[in-house]
Amino acid sequence: MLCGEIIERFWSGMADWPEIRIRSDDGQISEWTRKVNVKEQGALYIPGQRIEIDYVLQRHRPKSTDKGAEHKIVIEIRVEPNPQMEKLKA
């Protein structure tokens, strides 16, 4: 599990891949895809918000072309509710 704070929201690739940059509680910075089920969920990824990501490591076979590289596969993402968004709903 990764726990931390969203520090940046951006588009990567050819400006067509939604990502966020996170500073974990131990100070490490990593980048993750903004995963959403509906368009409105994208608004939850706001810099300054707390976030938790559950993931598993998938390791490729040592004889594969990437020589046993690891990939983080996201299981679940939880973003702390933004009080300002809650006010807009009321």
C-alpha atoms as a PDB file:
ATOM      1  CA  MET A   1       0.000   0.000   0.000  1.00  0.00           C
ATOM      2  CA  LEU A   2       1.171   3.516  -0.809  1.00  0.00           C
ATOM      3  CA  CYS A   3      -0.032   6.357   1.416  1.00  0.00           C
ATOM      4  CA  GLY A   4       0.752   9.973   0.679  1.00  0.00           C
ATOM      5  CA  GLU A   5      -0.324  13.242  -0.876  1.00  0.00           C
ATOM      6  CA  ILE A   6      -1.065  14.208  -4.459  1.00  0.00           C
ATOM      7  CA  ILE A   7       1.483  16.854  -5.453  1.00  0.00           C
ATOM      8  CA  GLU A   8       0.737  17.227  -9.164  1.00  0.00           C
ATOM      9  CA  ARG A   9      -1.898  16.340 -11.734  1.00  0.00           C
ATOM     10  CA  PHE A  10      -0.761  16.194 -15.358  1.00  0.00           C
ATOM     11  CA  TRP A  11      -1.043  14.586 -18.798  1.00  0.00           C
ATOM     12  CA  SER A  12       1.843  12.433 -20.000  1.00  0.00           C
ATOM     13  CA  GLY A  13       2.676  10.610 -23.212  1.00  0.00           C
ATOM     14  CA  MET A  14       1.373  12.688 -26.075  1.00  0.00           C
ATOM     15  CA  ALA A  15      -0.726  14.746 -23.633  1.00  0.00           C
ATOM     16  CA  ASP A  16      -3.327  11.975 -23.656  1.00  0.00           C
ATOM     17  CA  TRP A  17      -2.531   9.889 -20.559  1.00  0.00           C
ATOM     18  CA  PRO A  18      -3.913  11.177 -17.214  1.00  0.00           C
ATOM     19  CA  GLU A  19      -1.402  10.876 -14.366  1.00  0.00           C
ATOM     20  CA  ILE A  20      -0.683  12.139 -10.877  1.00  0.00           C
ATOM     21  CA  ARG A  21       2.548  12.591  -8.962  1.00  0.00           C
ATOM     22  CA  ILE A  22       2.468  11.477  -5.310  1.00  0.00           C
ATOM     23  CA  ARG A  23       4.782  12.156  -2.380  1.00  0.00           C
ATOM     24  CA  SER A  24       4.524   9.156  -0.065  1.00  0.00           C
ATOM     25  CA  ASP A  25       4.566   9.488   3.706  1.00  0.00           C
ATOM     26  CA  ASP A  26       8.244   8.479   3.663  1.00  0.00           C
ATOM     27  CA  GLY A  27       9.086  11.229   1.133  1.00  0.00           C
ATOM     28  CA  GLN A  28       9.425   9.161  -2.050  1.00  0.00           C
ATOM     29  CA  ILE A  29       7.885  10.554  -5.224  1.00  0.00           C
ATOM     30  CA  SER A  30       6.133   8.320  -7.743  1.00  0.00           C
ATOM     31  CA  GLU A  31       3.787   8.675 -10.703  1.00  0.00           C
ATOM     32  CA  TRP A  32       0.521   6.813 -11.207  1.00  0.00           C
ATOM     33  CA  THR A  33      -2.298   6.722 -13.744  1.00  0.00           C
ATOM     34  CA  ARG A  34      -5.469   8.544 -12.684  1.00  0.00           C
ATOM     35  CA  LYS A  35      -7.937   5.672 -12.709  1.00  0.00           C
ATOM     36  CA  VAL A  36     -11.637   6.536 -12.903  1.00  0.00           C
ATOM     37  CA  ASN A  37     -14.857   4.680 -13.618  1.00  0.00           C
ATOM     38  CA  VAL A  38     -16.800   7.810 -14.572  1.00  0.00           C
ATOM     39  CA  LYS A  39     -15.565  11.192 -15.838  1.00  0.00           C
ATOM     40  CA  GLU A  40     -16.610  13.032 -12.653  1.00  0.00           C
ATOM     41  CA  GLN A  41     -14.190  10.956 -10.550  1.00  0.00           C
ATOM     42  CA  GLY A  42     -11.271  12.683 -12.264  1.00  0.00           C
ATOM     43  CA  ALA A  43     -12.072  15.809 -10.230  1.00  0.00           C
ATOM     44  CA  LEU A  44     -11.082  13.951  -7.031  1.00  0.00           C
ATOM     45  CA  TYR A  45      -7.384  13.979  -7.963  1.00  0.00           C
ATOM     46  CA  ILE A  46      -6.462  17.390  -6.541  1.00  0.00           C
ATOM     47  CA  PRO A  47      -2.965  18.398  -5.413  1.00  0.00           C
ATOM     48  CA  GLY A  48      -2.854  18.477  -1.615  1.00  0.00           C
ATOM     49  CA  GLN A  49      -5.353  15.636  -1.197  1.00  0.00           C
ATOM     50  CA  ARG A  50      -4.411  12.531   0.771  1.00  0.00           C
ATOM     51  CA  ILE A  51      -4.385   9.318  -1.260  1.00  0.00           C
ATOM     52  CA  GLU A  52      -3.965   5.595  -0.621  1.00  0.00           C
ATOM     53  CA  ILE A  53      -3.190   3.106  -3.384  1.00  0.00           C
ATOM     54  CA  ASP A  54      -3.372  -0.652  -2.911  1.00  0.00           C
ATOM     55  CA  TYR A  55      -1.277  -2.487  -5.485  1.00  0.00           C
ATOM     56  CA  VAL A  56       0.553  -5.723  -6.161  1.00  0.00           C
ATOM     57  CA  LEU A  57       3.923  -6.236  -7.812  1.00  0.00           C
ATOM     58  CA  GLN A  58       3.890  -8.344 -10.939  1.00  0.00           C
ATOM     59  CA  ARG A  59       7.301  -9.762 -11.787  1.00  0.00           C
ATOM     60  CA  HIS A  60       8.103 -10.962 -15.262  1.00  0.00           C
ATOM     61  CA  ARG A  61      10.052 -14.149 -15.794  1.00  0.00           C
ATOM     62  CA  PRO A  62      13.836 -13.741 -15.569  1.00  0.00           C
ATOM     63  CA  LYS A  63      14.175 -15.056 -19.132  1.00  0.00           C
ATOM     64  CA  SER A  64      11.700 -12.537 -20.563  1.00  0.00           C
ATOM     65  CA  THR A  65      12.850  -9.652 -22.748  1.00  0.00           C
ATOM     66  CA  ASP A  66      12.675  -7.243 -19.784  1.00  0.00           C
ATOM     67  CA  LYS A  67      14.754  -9.573 -17.574  1.00  0.00           C
ATOM     68  CA  GLY A  68      12.322  -9.937 -14.673  1.00  0.00           C
ATOM     69  CA  ALA A  69      11.179  -6.328 -14.392  1.00  0.00           C
ATOM     70  CA  GLU A  70       8.484  -5.419 -11.869  1.00  0.00           C
ATOM     71  CA  HIS A  71       5.222  -3.642 -12.623  1.00  0.00           C
ATOM     72  CA  LYS A  72       2.837  -2.147 -10.074  1.00  0.00           C
ATOM     73  CA  ILE A  73      -0.731  -3.304 -10.727  1.00  0.00           C
ATOM     74  CA  VAL A  74      -3.334  -1.095  -9.005  1.00  0.00           C
ATOM     75  CA  ILE A  75      -6.043  -2.878  -7.037  1.00  0.00           C
ATOM     76  CA  GLU A  76      -7.804   0.082  -5.408  1.00  0.00           C
ATOM     77  CA  ILE A  77      -7.358   3.854  -5.049  1.00  0.00           C
ATOM     78  CA  ARG A  78      -8.832   5.878  -2.198  1.00  0.00           C
ATOM     79  CA  VAL A  79      -8.710   9.696  -2.294  1.00  0.00           C
ATOM     80  CA  GLU A  80      -9.617  11.743   0.762  1.00  0.00           C
ATOM     81  CA  PRO A  81     -12.878  13.617   0.111  1.00  0.00           C
ATOM     82  CA  ASN A  82     -12.387  17.293  -0.640  1.00  0.00           C
ATOM     83  CA  PRO A  83     -14.524  19.458   1.714  1.00  0.00           C
ATOM     84  CA  GLN A  84     -14.999  22.066  -1.050  1.00  0.00           C
ATOM     85  CA  MET A  85     -16.451  19.413  -3.392  1.00  0.00           C
ATOM     86  CA  GLU A  86     -18.809  18.281  -0.632  1.00  0.00           C
ATOM     87  CA  LYS A  87     -20.087  21.889  -0.236  1.00  0.00           C
ATOM     88  CA  LEU A  88     -20.846  22.049  -3.969  1.00  0.00           C
ATOM     89  CA  LYS A  89     -22.994  18.897  -3.713  1.00  0.00           C
ATOM     90  CA  ALA A  90     -25.139  20.336  -0.883  1.00  0.00           C
END
